[in-house]
Amino acid sequence: MIEKQSINGKDVWVEIEPYHVERSNPKTIPTEYFTARYYLNEPDSSRGEIFRDENGEFHLFESPVAALTFASKKLGSIV
């Protein structure tokens, strides 16, 4: 899913994607997280910038809403 937002008067696009986690015990939940990436120009064949945690790994969210909320707040300081 890609959502266009206006942040600080600039158009940005936020893409939320599912991220599946392989568990040694299939009963361990959650097995699906979500990642968020942003585009400062209209998305095309290029990939946007993915949000990463303090260790440089993909920042994982438990829901698309959590990912979108984080991205909107974080983009306020980027753009």
N, C-alpha and C. Protein backbone atom coordinates (compact mmCIF):
# COMPACT_ATOMS: atom_id res chain seq x y z
N MET A 1 0.85 -1.16 0.00
CA MET A 1 0.00 0.00 0.00
C MET A 1 0.89 1.22 0.00
N ILE A 2 0.58 2.19 -0.83
CA ILE A 2 1.29 3.47 -0.87
C ILE A 2 0.29 4.57 -0.61
N GLU A 3 0.64 5.45 0.32
CA GLU A 3 -0.22 6.58 0.67
C GLU A 3 0.54 7.88 0.46
N LYS A 4 -0.10 8.80 -0.24
CA LYS A 4 0.49 10.13 -0.46
C LYS A 4 0.08 11.02 0.71
N GLN A 5 1.07 11.74 1.27
CA GLN A 5 0.81 12.65 2.37
C GLN A 5 1.46 13.99 2.08
N SER A 6 0.95 15.02 2.68
CA SER A 6 1.57 16.33 2.61
C SER A 6 2.13 16.63 3.99
N ILE A 7 3.46 16.74 4.08
CA ILE A 7 4.13 17.00 5.34
C ILE A 7 4.98 18.25 5.19
N ASN A 8 4.72 19.22 6.05
CA ASN A 8 5.42 20.51 5.98
C ASN A 8 5.30 21.13 4.58
N GLY A 9 4.15 20.95 3.95
CA GLY A 9 3.89 21.52 2.63
C GLY A 9 4.54 20.77 1.48
N LYS A 10 5.15 19.64 1.73
CA LYS A 10 5.79 18.85 0.67
C LYS A 10 5.09 17.51 0.55
N ASP A 11 4.88 17.08 -0.69
CA ASP A 11 4.28 15.77 -0.93
C ASP A 11 5.32 14.68 -0.72
N VAL A 12 4.95 13.67 0.05
CA VAL A 12 5.77 12.48 0.25
C VAL A 12 4.86 11.27 0.12
N TRP A 13 5.44 10.14 -0.23
CA TRP A 13 4.70 8.91 -0.37
C TRP A 13 5.26 7.91 0.61
N VAL A 14 4.38 7.24 1.33
CA VAL A 14 4.79 6.24 2.31
C VAL A 14 4.25 4.89 1.84
N GLU A 15 5.15 3.92 1.76
CA GLU A 15 4.77 2.58 1.34
C GLU A 15 4.89 1.64 2.54
N ILE A 16 3.82 0.93 2.82
CA ILE A 16 3.79 -0.05 3.90
C ILE A 16 3.75 -1.44 3.25
N GLU A 17 4.68 -2.30 3.70
CA GLU A 17 4.75 -3.65 3.14
C GLU A 17 4.78 -4.69 4.25
N PRO A 18 4.17 -5.85 4.03
CA PRO A 18 4.27 -6.93 5.02
C PRO A 18 5.69 -7.49 5.03
N TYR A 19 6.11 -7.96 6.19
CA TYR A 19 7.43 -8.55 6.36
C TYR A 19 7.26 -9.82 7.18
N HIS A 20 7.48 -10.96 6.56
CA HIS A 20 7.25 -12.25 7.22
C HIS A 20 8.51 -12.70 7.96
N VAL A 21 8.32 -13.25 9.14
CA VAL A 21 9.41 -13.72 9.96
C VAL A 21 9.31 -15.24 10.11
N GLU A 22 10.41 -15.90 9.80
CA GLU A 22 10.46 -17.36 9.98
C GLU A 22 10.80 -17.64 11.44
N ARG A 23 9.99 -18.42 12.08
CA ARG A 23 10.20 -18.79 13.48
C ARG A 23 10.55 -20.27 13.58
N SER A 24 11.44 -20.64 14.52
CA SER A 24 11.75 -22.05 14.72
C SER A 24 10.54 -22.79 15.27
N ASN A 25 9.73 -22.08 16.04
CA ASN A 25 8.48 -22.64 16.54
C ASN A 25 7.34 -21.89 15.85
N PRO A 26 6.60 -22.54 14.97
CA PRO A 26 5.56 -21.85 14.20
C PRO A 26 4.42 -21.30 15.07
N LYS A 27 4.38 -21.67 16.33
CA LYS A 27 3.33 -21.15 17.21
C LYS A 27 3.73 -19.83 17.85
N THR A 28 4.98 -19.40 17.65
CA THR A 28 5.44 -18.12 18.17
C THR A 28 4.86 -17.01 17.31
N ILE A 29 4.22 -16.07 17.95
CA ILE A 29 3.63 -14.96 17.21
C ILE A 29 4.26 -13.66 17.68
N PRO A 30 4.25 -12.62 16.87
CA PRO A 30 3.72 -12.59 15.51
C PRO A 30 4.71 -13.17 14.51
N THR A 31 4.18 -13.61 13.39
CA THR A 31 5.03 -14.08 12.30
C THR A 31 5.02 -13.07 11.15
N GLU A 32 4.21 -12.05 11.27
CA GLU A 32 4.16 -11.01 10.25
C GLU A 32 4.28 -9.65 10.90
N TYR A 33 5.19 -8.86 10.36
CA TYR A 33 5.36 -7.48 10.76
C TYR A 33 5.15 -6.64 9.52
N PHE A 34 5.41 -5.34 9.66
CA PHE A 34 5.29 -4.43 8.52
C PHE A 34 6.49 -3.50 8.52
N THR A 35 6.91 -3.12 7.32
CA THR A 35 7.97 -2.14 7.17
C THR A 35 7.39 -0.90 6.50
N ALA A 36 8.11 0.20 6.64
CA ALA A 36 7.68 1.45 6.00
C ALA A 36 8.87 2.05 5.26
N ARG A 37 8.60 2.55 4.08
CA ARG A 37 9.61 3.28 3.32
C ARG A 37 8.97 4.53 2.77
N TYR A 38 9.79 5.51 2.45
CA TYR A 38 9.23 6.77 1.95
C TYR A 38 9.92 7.18 0.66
N TYR A 39 9.18 7.96 -0.11
CA TYR A 39 9.65 8.51 -1.37
C TYR A 39 9.45 10.02 -1.30
N LEU A 40 10.48 10.78 -1.68
CA LEU A 40 10.34 12.23 -1.72
C LEU A 40 9.84 12.69 -3.08
N ASN A 41 9.90 11.81 -4.07
CA ASN A 41 9.33 12.05 -5.40
C ASN A 41 8.33 10.94 -5.66
N GLU A 42 7.45 11.19 -6.62
CA GLU A 42 6.42 10.20 -6.91
C GLU A 42 7.07 8.84 -7.18
N PRO A 43 6.56 7.79 -6.54
CA PRO A 43 7.18 6.46 -6.70
C PRO A 43 7.14 5.98 -8.14
N ASP A 44 8.23 5.37 -8.55
CA ASP A 44 8.30 4.76 -9.87
C ASP A 44 9.04 3.44 -9.71
N SER A 45 9.89 3.11 -10.62
CA SER A 45 10.59 1.83 -10.51
C SER A 45 11.70 1.85 -9.46
N SER A 46 12.09 3.03 -8.99
CA SER A 46 13.12 3.10 -7.96
C SER A 46 12.52 2.80 -6.59
N ARG A 47 13.35 2.42 -5.66
CA ARG A 47 12.89 2.10 -4.31
C ARG A 47 13.10 3.32 -3.43
N GLY A 48 12.19 3.51 -2.51
CA GLY A 48 12.31 4.59 -1.55
C GLY A 48 13.26 4.23 -0.43
N GLU A 49 13.37 5.11 0.53
CA GLU A 49 14.22 4.89 1.69
C GLU A 49 13.43 4.17 2.77
N ILE A 50 13.95 3.03 3.22
CA ILE A 50 13.25 2.28 4.25
C ILE A 50 13.67 2.79 5.63
N PHE A 51 12.75 2.81 6.55
CA PHE A 51 13.08 3.21 7.91
C PHE A 51 13.83 2.07 8.58
N ARG A 52 14.92 2.41 9.26
CA ARG A 52 15.75 1.42 9.94
C ARG A 52 15.84 1.77 11.43
N ASP A 53 16.10 0.74 12.24
CA ASP A 53 16.25 0.96 13.67
C ASP A 53 17.68 1.40 13.99
N GLU A 54 18.00 1.53 15.26
CA GLU A 54 19.33 2.01 15.68
C GLU A 54 20.46 1.03 15.32
N ASN A 55 20.13 -0.21 15.00
CA ASN A 55 21.12 -1.21 14.60
C ASN A 55 21.26 -1.33 13.08
N GLY A 56 20.52 -0.50 12.36
CA GLY A 56 20.57 -0.56 10.90
C GLY A 56 19.67 -1.61 10.28
N GLU A 57 18.91 -2.32 11.11
CA GLU A 57 17.97 -3.33 10.62
C GLU A 57 16.65 -2.65 10.25
N PHE A 58 15.84 -3.33 9.45
CA PHE A 58 14.53 -2.80 9.12
C PHE A 58 13.76 -2.54 10.41
N HIS A 59 13.15 -1.36 10.50
CA HIS A 59 12.28 -1.06 11.65
C HIS A 59 10.98 -1.82 11.41
N LEU A 60 10.64 -2.72 12.31
CA LEU A 60 9.46 -3.56 12.14
C LEU A 60 8.32 -3.06 13.01
N PHE A 61 7.12 -3.10 12.44
CA PHE A 61 5.92 -2.63 13.12
C PHE A 61 4.91 -3.77 13.19
N GLU A 62 4.09 -3.75 14.23
CA GLU A 62 3.11 -4.83 14.40
C GLU A 62 1.83 -4.61 13.61
N SER A 63 1.65 -3.42 13.06
CA SER A 63 0.46 -3.17 12.25
C SER A 63 0.77 -2.11 11.20
N PRO A 64 0.00 -2.08 10.12
CA PRO A 64 0.18 -1.03 9.12
C PRO A 64 -0.08 0.36 9.71
N VAL A 65 -1.02 0.46 10.62
CA VAL A 65 -1.33 1.75 11.25
C VAL A 65 -0.13 2.25 12.05
N ALA A 66 0.50 1.36 12.81
CA ALA A 66 1.68 1.74 13.58
C ALA A 66 2.81 2.20 12.66
N ALA A 67 2.99 1.52 11.55
CA ALA A 67 4.03 1.88 10.59
C ALA A 67 3.76 3.25 9.99
N LEU A 68 2.53 3.49 9.58
CA LEU A 68 2.16 4.77 8.98
C LEU A 68 2.26 5.91 9.98
N THR A 69 1.85 5.69 11.20
CA THR A 69 1.95 6.71 12.24
C THR A 69 3.40 7.08 12.50
N PHE A 70 4.26 6.07 12.65
CA PHE A 70 5.68 6.32 12.86
C PHE A 70 6.27 7.11 11.70
N ALA A 71 5.97 6.66 10.47
CA ALA A 71 6.53 7.31 9.28
C ALA A 71 6.10 8.77 9.22
N SER A 72 4.84 9.06 9.49
CA SER A 72 4.36 10.45 9.44
C SER A 72 5.09 11.33 10.44
N LYS A 73 5.29 10.82 11.65
CA LYS A 73 5.99 11.60 12.67
C LYS A 73 7.46 11.78 12.31
N LYS A 74 8.11 10.73 11.86
CA LYS A 74 9.52 10.78 11.52
C LYS A 74 9.76 11.69 10.32
N LEU A 75 8.87 11.66 9.34
CA LEU A 75 9.04 12.49 8.15
C LEU A 75 8.92 13.97 8.46
N GLY A 76 8.23 14.32 9.56
CA GLY A 76 8.14 15.72 9.97
C GLY A 76 9.51 16.34 10.20
N SER A 77 10.48 15.54 10.64
CA SER A 77 11.83 16.06 10.87
C SER A 77 12.76 15.85 9.67
N ILE A 78 12.31 15.06 8.70
CA ILE A 78 13.15 14.79 7.51
C ILE A 78 12.88 15.80 6.40
N VAL A 79 11.63 16.15 6.19
CA VAL A 79 11.29 17.08 5.10
C VAL A 79 11.05 18.48 5.63
